[in-house]
Amino acid sequence: MKLRLERIPSPLGGVILVSDGDMLHALDFDDYEARMLQLLTRYHGACQLVPSRLISPIATALQAYFDGDMSALASIALSPAGTPFQRAVWTALRDIPSGTTTSYGAIARRIGRPGASRAVGLANGANPIAIVVPCHRVIGANAALTGYGGGLSRKAWLIEHEARHTICCGKPPDRLI
């Protein structure tokens, strides 16, 4: 499979996007490129990554997100591969409103698997599309920041960035849903 590789700057360091031109297959930070490539191979088999000099609509949407447009990520079409359970978790993650957080247990209940909070955590860790599939919005039941593949400092930054740029009904959103 031939896929496009784009590198863009962000406030959190370089970001790598892998797409087929229309759909996003992977997104991660430059310093986690090896992990991203491993997940791509696991989910899609051998891929030929072709560097792109064009700025895709996906990159434009991601930049808009970093500039404060919290709705920009919703327009990105995804092509995540994974088990049915992982895909259910990743779909539920996209339903977490920007500027809010939830727990692994709440996601497990949302997908109809109330005892599977640890499995939700594993699915979060296997998420190949960071930020757009917002696994950073999932925190521990005690509201502690836990496990983020890009590092806890990035997770904290993303949560605060979204809270700063998300206003609901004239006030910032609740922190935990």
N, C-alpha and C. Protein backbone atom coordinates (compact mmCIF):
# COMPACT_ATOMS: atom_id res chain seq x y z
N MET A 1 0.85 -1.16 0.00
CA MET A 1 0.00 0.00 0.00
C MET A 1 0.90 1.24 0.00
N LYS A 2 0.58 2.20 -0.85
CA LYS A 2 1.33 3.45 -0.93
C LYS A 2 0.55 4.52 -0.18
N LEU A 3 1.22 5.19 0.77
CA LEU A 3 0.60 6.21 1.59
C LEU A 3 1.45 7.48 1.59
N ARG A 4 0.80 8.62 1.80
CA ARG A 4 1.48 9.91 1.85
C ARG A 4 1.95 10.21 3.27
N LEU A 5 3.14 10.73 3.38
CA LEU A 5 3.72 11.10 4.66
C LEU A 5 3.90 12.62 4.68
N GLU A 6 3.33 13.26 5.69
CA GLU A 6 3.50 14.71 5.86
C GLU A 6 4.06 14.97 7.25
N ARG A 7 4.91 15.95 7.33
CA ARG A 7 5.46 16.39 8.61
C ARG A 7 5.07 17.85 8.79
N ILE A 8 4.45 18.15 9.93
CA ILE A 8 4.05 19.53 10.18
C ILE A 8 4.52 19.94 11.57
N PRO A 9 4.79 21.23 11.75
CA PRO A 9 5.15 21.71 13.09
C PRO A 9 3.90 21.86 13.94
N SER A 10 4.09 21.80 15.25
CA SER A 10 3.00 22.05 16.19
C SER A 10 3.59 22.63 17.46
N PRO A 11 2.76 23.16 18.33
CA PRO A 11 3.27 23.66 19.61
C PRO A 11 3.88 22.56 20.48
N LEU A 12 3.62 21.31 20.14
CA LEU A 12 4.12 20.17 20.91
C LEU A 12 5.30 19.48 20.24
N GLY A 13 5.83 20.07 19.18
CA GLY A 13 6.89 19.45 18.40
C GLY A 13 6.34 18.95 17.08
N GLY A 14 7.20 18.38 16.27
CA GLY A 14 6.78 17.90 14.96
C GLY A 14 5.74 16.80 15.04
N VAL A 15 4.83 16.83 14.07
CA VAL A 15 3.77 15.84 13.98
C VAL A 15 3.87 15.17 12.61
N ILE A 16 3.66 13.86 12.59
CA ILE A 16 3.69 13.08 11.36
C ILE A 16 2.28 12.62 11.03
N LEU A 17 1.86 12.88 9.79
CA LEU A 17 0.56 12.42 9.30
C LEU A 17 0.79 11.40 8.20
N VAL A 18 0.05 10.32 8.21
CA VAL A 18 0.09 9.33 7.14
C VAL A 18 -1.33 9.16 6.62
N SER A 19 -1.50 9.43 5.32
CA SER A 19 -2.83 9.34 4.73
C SER A 19 -2.75 8.72 3.34
N ASP A 20 -3.91 8.40 2.81
CA ASP A 20 -3.98 7.97 1.41
C ASP A 20 -4.37 9.14 0.52
N GLY A 21 -4.35 10.33 1.09
CA GLY A 21 -4.75 11.54 0.38
C GLY A 21 -6.12 12.02 0.82
N ASP A 22 -6.99 11.07 1.15
CA ASP A 22 -8.34 11.40 1.60
C ASP A 22 -8.57 11.04 3.06
N MET A 23 -8.04 9.89 3.46
CA MET A 23 -8.30 9.38 4.81
C MET A 23 -7.00 9.28 5.59
N LEU A 24 -7.07 9.63 6.87
CA LEU A 24 -5.93 9.58 7.76
C LEU A 24 -5.78 8.16 8.30
N HIS A 25 -4.57 7.61 8.16
CA HIS A 25 -4.28 6.27 8.65
C HIS A 25 -3.49 6.30 9.95
N ALA A 26 -2.67 7.33 10.14
CA ALA A 26 -1.85 7.41 11.35
C ALA A 26 -1.45 8.85 11.60
N LEU A 27 -1.27 9.17 12.88
CA LEU A 27 -0.78 10.48 13.29
C LEU A 27 -0.04 10.30 14.60
N ASP A 28 1.16 10.82 14.66
CA ASP A 28 1.94 10.75 15.90
C ASP A 28 2.97 11.86 15.91
N PHE A 29 3.70 11.95 16.99
CA PHE A 29 4.74 12.95 17.14
C PHE A 29 6.05 12.42 16.56
N ASP A 30 6.89 13.33 16.06
CA ASP A 30 8.16 12.94 15.45
C ASP A 30 8.97 11.99 16.31
N ASP A 31 9.02 12.26 17.61
CA ASP A 31 9.85 11.43 18.48
C ASP A 31 9.23 10.06 18.77
N TYR A 32 8.05 9.80 18.22
CA TYR A 32 7.42 8.48 18.35
C TYR A 32 7.20 7.85 16.96
N GLU A 33 8.00 8.25 16.01
CA GLU A 33 7.84 7.75 14.64
C GLU A 33 7.99 6.24 14.57
N ALA A 34 8.94 5.66 15.30
CA ALA A 34 9.14 4.21 15.25
C ALA A 34 7.88 3.48 15.71
N ARG A 35 7.24 3.97 16.77
CA ARG A 35 6.00 3.34 17.25
C ARG A 35 4.90 3.46 16.21
N MET A 36 4.80 4.64 15.58
CA MET A 36 3.78 4.85 14.55
C MET A 36 3.98 3.88 13.39
N LEU A 37 5.23 3.72 12.96
CA LEU A 37 5.51 2.81 11.85
C LEU A 37 5.19 1.37 12.23
N GLN A 38 5.45 1.01 13.47
CA GLN A 38 5.12 -0.34 13.95
C GLN A 38 3.61 -0.56 13.93
N LEU A 39 2.83 0.42 14.38
CA LEU A 39 1.37 0.29 14.36
C LEU A 39 0.85 0.24 12.92
N LEU A 40 1.43 1.06 12.03
CA LEU A 40 1.01 1.01 10.62
C LEU A 40 1.22 -0.37 10.03
N THR A 41 2.39 -0.95 10.29
CA THR A 41 2.69 -2.28 9.78
C THR A 41 1.75 -3.32 10.37
N ARG A 42 1.48 -3.21 11.68
CA ARG A 42 0.58 -4.16 12.34
C ARG A 42 -0.82 -4.11 11.73
N TYR A 43 -1.31 -2.91 11.46
CA TYR A 43 -2.68 -2.75 11.00
C TYR A 43 -2.85 -2.80 9.49
N HIS A 44 -1.83 -2.39 8.73
CA HIS A 44 -1.98 -2.29 7.28
C HIS A 44 -1.00 -3.14 6.49
N GLY A 45 -0.11 -3.85 7.14
CA GLY A 45 0.90 -4.61 6.42
C GLY A 45 1.99 -3.68 5.90
N ALA A 46 2.75 -4.18 4.96
CA ALA A 46 3.85 -3.38 4.39
C ALA A 46 3.29 -2.16 3.68
N CYS A 47 3.84 -1.00 4.01
CA CYS A 47 3.40 0.26 3.41
C CYS A 47 4.60 0.98 2.81
N GLN A 48 4.38 1.62 1.69
CA GLN A 48 5.39 2.49 1.12
C GLN A 48 4.97 3.92 1.45
N LEU A 49 5.79 4.61 2.22
CA LEU A 49 5.48 5.98 2.62
C LEU A 49 6.19 6.94 1.69
N VAL A 50 5.41 7.77 1.03
CA VAL A 50 5.93 8.73 0.06
C VAL A 50 5.82 10.13 0.65
N PRO A 51 6.95 10.80 0.89
CA PRO A 51 6.87 12.16 1.43
C PRO A 51 6.07 13.08 0.50
N SER A 52 5.22 13.88 1.09
CA SER A 52 4.39 14.80 0.33
C SER A 52 4.86 16.22 0.55
N ARG A 53 4.97 16.98 -0.51
CA ARG A 53 5.33 18.38 -0.40
C ARG A 53 4.09 19.27 -0.37
N LEU A 54 2.94 18.70 -0.69
CA LEU A 54 1.69 19.45 -0.67
C LEU A 54 1.11 19.47 0.74
N ILE A 55 0.44 20.53 1.08
CA ILE A 55 -0.24 20.60 2.37
C ILE A 55 -1.65 20.08 2.17
N SER A 56 -1.95 18.96 2.81
CA SER A 56 -3.25 18.32 2.64
C SER A 56 -4.32 19.02 3.47
N PRO A 57 -5.59 18.78 3.13
CA PRO A 57 -6.68 19.27 3.98
C PRO A 57 -6.58 18.73 5.41
N ILE A 58 -6.03 17.54 5.56
CA ILE A 58 -5.86 16.96 6.90
C ILE A 58 -4.88 17.82 7.71
N ALA A 59 -3.74 18.17 7.09
CA ALA A 59 -2.76 19.01 7.78
C ALA A 59 -3.35 20.38 8.09
N THR A 60 -4.13 20.92 7.17
CA THR A 60 -4.77 22.22 7.39
C THR A 60 -5.73 22.16 8.57
N ALA A 61 -6.51 21.08 8.66
CA ALA A 61 -7.45 20.91 9.78
C ALA A 61 -6.69 20.77 11.10
N LEU A 62 -5.60 20.02 11.10
CA LEU A 62 -4.82 19.85 12.32
C LEU A 62 -4.23 21.19 12.76
N GLN A 63 -3.74 21.98 11.82
CA GLN A 63 -3.21 23.29 12.17
C GLN A 63 -4.30 24.19 12.72
N ALA A 64 -5.50 24.11 12.14
CA ALA A 64 -6.63 24.90 12.66
C ALA A 64 -6.94 24.51 14.11
N TYR A 65 -6.87 23.21 14.40
CA TYR A 65 -7.06 22.74 15.78
C TYR A 65 -6.03 23.39 16.71
N PHE A 66 -4.76 23.35 16.32
CA PHE A 66 -3.73 23.94 17.16
C PHE A 66 -3.90 25.46 17.29
N ASP A 67 -4.53 26.07 16.28
CA ASP A 67 -4.80 27.51 16.33
C ASP A 67 -6.06 27.84 17.15
N GLY A 68 -6.76 26.82 17.65
CA GLY A 68 -7.90 27.05 18.52
C GLY A 68 -9.26 26.65 17.99
N ASP A 69 -9.34 26.13 16.77
CA ASP A 69 -10.62 25.70 16.20
C ASP A 69 -10.88 24.25 16.60
N MET A 70 -11.63 24.06 17.67
CA MET A 70 -11.84 22.71 18.20
C MET A 70 -12.74 21.86 17.31
N SER A 71 -13.45 22.46 16.38
CA SER A 71 -14.32 21.69 15.48
C SER A 71 -13.56 21.17 14.26
N ALA A 72 -12.34 21.62 14.05
CA ALA A 72 -11.61 21.29 12.82
C ALA A 72 -11.33 19.79 12.66
N LEU A 73 -11.13 19.08 13.75
CA LEU A 73 -10.77 17.66 13.65
C LEU A 73 -11.93 16.79 13.19
N ALA A 74 -13.16 17.25 13.42
CA ALA A 74 -14.34 16.45 13.05
C ALA A 74 -14.43 16.21 11.55
N SER A 75 -13.82 17.08 10.76
CA SER A 75 -13.90 16.94 9.30
C SER A 75 -12.91 15.92 8.73
N ILE A 76 -12.02 15.41 9.57
CA ILE A 76 -10.99 14.48 9.08
C ILE A 76 -11.57 13.08 8.99
N ALA A 77 -11.54 12.51 7.79
CA ALA A 77 -11.99 11.13 7.58
C ALA A 77 -10.86 10.19 8.01
N LEU A 78 -11.23 9.11 8.69
CA LEU A 78 -10.24 8.20 9.24
C LEU A 78 -10.31 6.83 8.61
N SER A 79 -9.17 6.18 8.59
CA SER A 79 -9.09 4.79 8.16
C SER A 79 -8.31 3.99 9.19
N PRO A 80 -8.84 3.90 10.42
CA PRO A 80 -8.11 3.12 11.42
C PRO A 80 -8.40 1.64 11.26
N ALA A 81 -7.38 0.85 11.33
CA ALA A 81 -7.57 -0.60 11.33
C ALA A 81 -7.37 -1.06 12.76
N GLY A 82 -7.94 -2.13 13.12
CA GLY A 82 -7.81 -2.66 14.47
C GLY A 82 -8.89 -3.71 14.68
N THR A 83 -8.92 -4.25 15.87
CA THR A 83 -9.93 -5.24 16.20
C THR A 83 -11.28 -4.54 16.33
N PRO A 84 -12.37 -5.29 16.27
CA PRO A 84 -13.68 -4.66 16.48
C PRO A 84 -13.77 -3.93 17.83
N PHE A 85 -13.17 -4.51 18.87
CA PHE A 85 -13.18 -3.85 20.18
C PHE A 85 -12.41 -2.53 20.13
N GLN A 86 -11.22 -2.55 19.54
CA GLN A 86 -10.43 -1.31 19.44
C GLN A 86 -11.19 -0.24 18.66
N ARG A 87 -11.79 -0.63 17.55
CA ARG A 87 -12.53 0.35 16.75
C ARG A 87 -13.72 0.93 17.53
N ALA A 88 -14.37 0.09 18.34
CA ALA A 88 -15.48 0.58 19.17
C ALA A 88 -14.97 1.61 20.18
N VAL A 89 -13.82 1.32 20.79
CA VAL A 89 -13.23 2.27 21.74
C VAL A 89 -12.86 3.56 21.01
N TRP A 90 -12.21 3.45 19.86
CA TRP A 90 -11.76 4.65 19.14
C TRP A 90 -12.95 5.49 18.67
N THR A 91 -14.03 4.84 18.29
CA THR A 91 -15.25 5.58 17.92
C THR A 91 -15.80 6.32 19.14
N ALA A 92 -15.82 5.66 20.29
CA ALA A 92 -16.30 6.30 21.51
C ALA A 92 -15.41 7.48 21.90
N LEU A 93 -14.12 7.36 21.65
CA LEU A 93 -13.21 8.46 21.96
C LEU A 93 -13.56 9.71 21.16
N ARG A 94 -13.93 9.52 19.92
CA ARG A 94 -14.27 10.68 19.08
C ARG A 94 -15.56 11.36 19.54
N ASP A 95 -16.35 10.65 20.35
CA ASP A 95 -17.58 11.23 20.88
C ASP A 95 -17.38 12.04 22.16
N ILE A 96 -16.17 12.00 22.74
CA ILE A 96 -15.89 12.79 23.94
C ILE A 96 -15.78 14.25 23.50
N PRO A 97 -16.60 15.11 24.04
CA PRO A 97 -16.55 16.52 23.61
C PRO A 97 -15.19 17.16 23.91
N SER A 98 -14.75 17.98 23.01
CA SER A 98 -13.53 18.74 23.21
C SER A 98 -13.65 19.57 24.48
N GLY A 99 -12.56 19.62 25.22
CA GLY A 99 -12.57 20.40 26.45
C GLY A 99 -13.02 19.62 27.66
N THR A 100 -13.38 18.35 27.48
CA THR A 100 -13.81 17.52 28.60
C THR A 100 -12.93 16.28 28.66
N THR A 101 -13.02 15.59 29.78
CA THR A 101 -12.31 14.33 29.95
C THR A 101 -13.28 13.29 30.48
N THR A 102 -12.89 12.05 30.38
CA THR A 102 -13.69 10.95 30.92
C THR A 102 -12.73 9.87 31.38
N SER A 103 -13.27 8.82 31.98
CA SER A 103 -12.42 7.75 32.51
C SER A 103 -12.47 6.51 31.61
N TYR A 104 -11.51 5.64 31.83
CA TYR A 104 -11.48 4.38 31.09
C TYR A 104 -12.74 3.58 31.36
N GLY A 105 -13.19 3.57 32.63
CA GLY A 105 -14.41 2.86 33.00
C GLY A 105 -15.64 3.42 32.31
N ALA A 106 -15.71 4.75 32.18
CA ALA A 106 -16.86 5.36 31.50
C ALA A 106 -16.89 4.97 30.03
N ILE A 107 -15.73 4.91 29.40
CA ILE A 107 -15.68 4.46 27.99
C ILE A 107 -16.12 3.00 27.91
N ALA A 108 -15.65 2.17 28.84
CA ALA A 108 -16.05 0.75 28.84
C ALA A 108 -17.58 0.63 28.95
N ARG A 109 -18.18 1.40 29.83
CA ARG A 109 -19.64 1.36 29.97
C ARG A 109 -20.32 1.88 28.71
N ARG A 110 -19.76 2.93 28.12
CA ARG A 110 -20.36 3.53 26.92
C ARG A 110 -20.41 2.54 25.76
N ILE A 111 -19.42 1.65 25.67
CA ILE A 111 -19.42 0.68 24.56
C ILE A 111 -20.06 -0.65 24.95
N GLY A 112 -20.69 -0.67 26.12
CA GLY A 112 -21.40 -1.87 26.53
C GLY A 112 -20.53 -2.96 27.12
N ARG A 113 -19.34 -2.60 27.59
CA ARG A 113 -18.41 -3.57 28.20
C ARG A 113 -17.96 -3.04 29.57
N PRO A 114 -18.89 -2.97 30.54
CA PRO A 114 -18.62 -2.29 31.80
C PRO A 114 -17.43 -2.81 32.61
N GLY A 115 -17.01 -4.01 32.42
CA GLY A 115 -15.87 -4.53 33.17
C GLY A 115 -14.55 -4.45 32.41
N ALA A 116 -14.53 -3.74 31.32
CA ALA A 116 -13.37 -3.77 30.42
C ALA A 116 -12.52 -2.51 30.45
N SER A 117 -12.43 -1.85 31.60
CA SER A 117 -11.68 -0.59 31.63
C SER A 117 -10.20 -0.81 31.32
N ARG A 118 -9.62 -1.91 31.74
CA ARG A 118 -8.21 -2.18 31.41
C ARG A 118 -8.05 -2.43 29.92
N ALA A 119 -8.98 -3.14 29.33
CA ALA A 119 -8.93 -3.37 27.88
C ALA A 119 -9.10 -2.07 27.11
N VAL A 120 -9.90 -1.15 27.64
CA VAL A 120 -10.03 0.19 27.04
C VAL A 120 -8.68 0.89 27.08
N GLY A 121 -7.98 0.76 28.20
CA GLY A 121 -6.65 1.35 28.31
C GLY A 121 -5.69 0.79 27.28
N LEU A 122 -5.76 -0.51 27.04
CA LEU A 122 -4.91 -1.13 26.02
C LEU A 122 -5.28 -0.65 24.62
N ALA A 123 -6.58 -0.52 24.35
CA ALA A 123 -7.01 0.00 23.05
C ALA A 123 -6.54 1.44 22.87
N ASN A 124 -6.61 2.24 23.94
CA ASN A 124 -6.09 3.61 23.89
C ASN A 124 -4.63 3.59 23.49
N GLY A 125 -3.85 2.71 24.10
CA GLY A 125 -2.42 2.63 23.83
C GLY A 125 -2.10 2.17 22.42
N ALA A 126 -3.05 1.49 21.78
CA ALA A 126 -2.86 1.01 20.41
C ALA A 126 -3.45 1.95 19.37
N ASN A 127 -3.94 3.10 19.80
CA ASN A 127 -4.55 4.07 18.90
C ASN A 127 -3.50 4.62 17.93
N PRO A 128 -3.68 4.39 16.63
CA PRO A 128 -2.68 4.87 15.67
C PRO A 128 -2.88 6.32 15.23
N ILE A 129 -3.95 6.95 15.69
CA ILE A 129 -4.28 8.30 15.19
C ILE A 129 -4.43 9.25 16.38
N ALA A 130 -3.29 9.61 16.97
CA ALA A 130 -3.28 10.50 18.12
C ALA A 130 -3.97 11.82 17.78
N ILE A 131 -4.43 12.50 18.78
CA ILE A 131 -5.08 13.81 18.74
C ILE A 131 -6.45 13.74 18.05
N VAL A 132 -6.51 13.26 16.82
CA VAL A 132 -7.79 13.20 16.08
C VAL A 132 -8.71 12.16 16.71
N VAL A 133 -8.16 11.02 17.10
CA VAL A 133 -8.88 10.06 17.94
C VAL A 133 -8.37 10.37 19.35
N PRO A 134 -9.12 11.18 20.10
CA PRO A 134 -8.57 11.86 21.27
C PRO A 134 -8.41 11.00 22.52
N CYS A 135 -7.50 10.06 22.47
CA CYS A 135 -7.24 9.22 23.64
C CYS A 135 -6.67 10.05 24.80
N HIS A 136 -6.17 11.26 24.49
CA HIS A 136 -5.67 12.13 25.55
C HIS A 136 -6.78 12.61 26.48
N ARG A 137 -8.03 12.50 26.06
CA ARG A 137 -9.15 12.95 26.89
C ARG A 137 -9.56 11.91 27.94
N VAL A 138 -8.90 10.77 27.96
CA VAL A 138 -9.23 9.71 28.91
C VAL A 138 -8.22 9.76 30.06
N ILE A 139 -8.78 9.86 31.28
CA ILE A 139 -7.95 9.97 32.48
C ILE A 139 -8.37 8.88 33.46
N GLY A 140 -7.62 8.75 34.53
CA GLY A 140 -7.94 7.75 35.54
C GLY A 140 -9.24 8.07 36.26
N ALA A 141 -9.84 7.08 36.89
CA ALA A 141 -11.10 7.27 37.61
C ALA A 141 -10.94 8.29 38.73
N ASN A 142 -9.71 8.44 39.25
CA ASN A 142 -9.44 9.42 40.30
C ASN A 142 -9.05 10.78 39.73
N ALA A 143 -9.28 10.98 38.42
CA ALA A 143 -8.99 12.21 37.69
C ALA A 143 -7.51 12.46 37.47
N ALA A 144 -6.68 11.45 37.71
CA ALA A 144 -5.24 11.59 37.47
C ALA A 144 -4.92 11.41 36.00
N LEU A 145 -3.94 12.16 35.52
CA LEU A 145 -3.45 11.94 34.16
C LEU A 145 -2.67 10.64 34.16
N THR A 146 -3.08 9.74 33.30
CA THR A 146 -2.40 8.45 33.21
C THR A 146 -2.16 8.13 31.75
N GLY A 147 -1.14 7.37 31.49
CA GLY A 147 -0.81 6.78 30.22
C GLY A 147 -1.20 7.51 28.95
N TYR A 148 -0.25 8.18 28.35
CA TYR A 148 -0.45 8.75 27.02
C TYR A 148 0.82 8.48 26.23
N GLY A 149 0.65 7.87 25.06
CA GLY A 149 1.80 7.49 24.23
C GLY A 149 2.71 8.64 23.88
N GLY A 150 2.18 9.85 23.79
CA GLY A 150 2.99 11.01 23.46
C GLY A 150 3.63 11.66 24.67
N GLY A 151 3.39 11.11 25.86
CA GLY A 151 3.95 11.66 27.09
C GLY A 151 2.90 12.46 27.86
N LEU A 152 2.99 12.40 29.18
CA LEU A 152 1.98 13.06 30.02
C LEU A 152 2.01 14.58 29.88
N SER A 153 3.17 15.16 29.60
CA SER A 153 3.19 16.62 29.44
C SER A 153 2.40 17.03 28.21
N ARG A 154 2.46 16.25 27.14
CA ARG A 154 1.66 16.56 25.95
C ARG A 154 0.17 16.34 26.24
N LYS A 155 -0.15 15.29 26.97
CA LYS A 155 -1.54 15.03 27.32
C LYS A 155 -2.10 16.22 28.09
N ALA A 156 -1.36 16.69 29.09
CA ALA A 156 -1.81 17.83 29.88
C ALA A 156 -1.98 19.06 28.99
N TRP A 157 -1.04 19.29 28.08
CA TRP A 157 -1.13 20.45 27.20
C TRP A 157 -2.38 20.36 26.33
N LEU A 158 -2.65 19.19 25.73
CA LEU A 158 -3.82 19.02 24.87
C LEU A 158 -5.13 19.26 25.63
N ILE A 159 -5.22 18.72 26.84
CA ILE A 159 -6.43 18.90 27.64
C ILE A 159 -6.62 20.37 27.96
N GLU A 160 -5.57 21.05 28.38
CA GLU A 160 -5.67 22.48 28.70
C GLU A 160 -5.95 23.33 27.46
N HIS A 161 -5.32 22.99 26.34
CA HIS A 161 -5.56 23.70 25.07
C HIS A 161 -7.04 23.62 24.70
N GLU A 162 -7.60 22.42 24.79
CA GLU A 162 -9.01 22.25 24.44
C GLU A 162 -9.92 22.98 25.42
N ALA A 163 -9.59 22.94 26.70
CA ALA A 163 -10.41 23.63 27.69
C ALA A 163 -10.38 25.15 27.45
N ARG A 164 -9.22 25.68 27.07
CA ARG A 164 -9.11 27.12 26.81
C ARG A 164 -9.94 27.56 25.62
N HIS A 165 -10.07 26.66 24.63
CA HIS A 165 -10.73 27.04 23.38
C HIS A 165 -12.13 26.47 23.22
N THR A 166 -12.66 25.88 24.27
CA THR A 166 -14.01 25.32 24.22
C THR A 166 -14.88 26.05 25.23
N ILE A 167 -15.91 26.66 24.73
CA ILE A 167 -16.86 27.35 25.60
C ILE A 167 -18.23 26.75 25.32
N CYS A 168 -18.91 26.38 26.38
CA CYS A 168 -20.26 25.83 26.25
C CYS A 168 -21.20 26.68 27.09
N CYS A 169 -22.19 27.22 26.46
CA CYS A 169 -23.23 27.97 27.17
C CYS A 169 -22.64 29.13 27.97
N GLY A 170 -21.59 29.76 27.43
CA GLY A 170 -21.00 30.92 28.07
C GLY A 170 -20.02 30.61 29.18
N LYS A 171 -19.70 29.33 29.39
CA LYS A 171 -18.74 28.97 30.43
C LYS A 171 -17.88 27.81 29.94
N PRO A 172 -16.69 27.64 30.53
CA PRO A 172 -15.86 26.50 30.14
C PRO A 172 -16.57 25.19 30.46
N PRO A 173 -16.25 24.12 29.75
CA PRO A 173 -16.91 22.83 30.00
C PRO A 173 -16.48 22.22 31.32
N ASP A 174 -17.28 21.26 31.79
CA ASP A 174 -16.91 20.50 32.98
C ASP A 174 -15.66 19.71 32.66
N ARG A 175 -14.86 19.42 33.67
CA ARG A 175 -13.60 18.71 33.47
C ARG A 175 -13.78 17.22 33.29
N LEU A 176 -14.75 16.62 33.95
CA LEU A 176 -14.90 15.17 33.88
C LEU A 176 -16.34 14.83 33.52
N ILE A 177 -16.50 14.03 32.45
CA ILE A 177 -17.85 13.63 32.07
C ILE A 177 -18.04 12.16 32.39
